Amino acid sequence: MSPASHDVPPGGVLFEVQGLARAYRLPRTSLLRPPRVLTAVRDVSFELRSGETLGLVGESGSGKTTLLRLMLGLERPDAGKVVYHGGSLRREVQVVFQDPASALDPRMRVADIVLEPLRVMRLRGDHAARLSELLRAVGLPEAAARRYPHEFSGGQRQRIAIARALAPRPRVLLADEPVSALDVSVRAQILNLLEDLRVGYDLTLVLVSHDLSVVRHLCDRVLVMRAGEVVEAGDTSAVFRSPHHSYTRTLLESIPTLKKRRAASA
């Protein structure tokens, strides 16, 4: 990971991803054969601009989450590089994971969970006021601060996870399938919350999803991944209106519509 220290204006390039590749050696299945290699990311390049919302879409195993981990610096690429043009990557880039139940420590009260990044990074300020602000921002009452994660619904736990990610005032929020583990009834609420927070906190957002309807709801641009490669990229509206790659067309055709539901129930 190569950080840079200069400021980035709205619309300027925050992340540069250049020729990224990442492969994993799988366990041997035979002493007579060489170990198999799984290529998770293959020659991926793109830019993420300040203030935009970028969607990474593809089926399971397409390399989306591995790409996110490479951007976070949690894994080293086998080839290529990631350049972050902001300040502190650790503070300015935060992540919201797929399953809020496993992302939150069940032994900690909500107040400690949300404020944990501030303590770990030794960020000073009025932590009590920050906690109140964050709980309001994600639509939770102040009384939630004294409770434990198991006392909340899945959607509420994801709100807690989002509040924690926002605590250090990040510039970039990476959301890895943030609604796929939630009931259908609350998915739209969390997506609308992310959009409101993106605007209210001036965030740059990367949304990982296997669901193109989610990406269409939130994203300015989209990268379509298949087997570790980006097979299509462009403005979301243009890709949805006129996809060039057959894989993208297949994904679009799989989006449920009212007409399809009526045909299936007939």
Foldseek 3Di string as FASTA:
>chain_A
DAEAADAADAFGWFKWWFQFWAKDFDDDPDPVDDTDIATLAGGDTDTFGFLFEEEEADDPSLNLVVVVCQQLVVDPTPDTHMYGYHHDSLLAEFEQEAFLVVVFDQVDQLLCLQCVVCVVVVPDDDSVVLLCVLCVLLVHHPVSRGHGPVVDARLVSSSSSVSSRPSSLHQEYEYANHPPVDDPVCSVVVLVSVQVCCVVSSHYYYYYDNQLVSCLVGGQKYFYTGSNYGPDIDGSVCCLVDNDDPSSVVNSVPHDDPVNVVVVVD
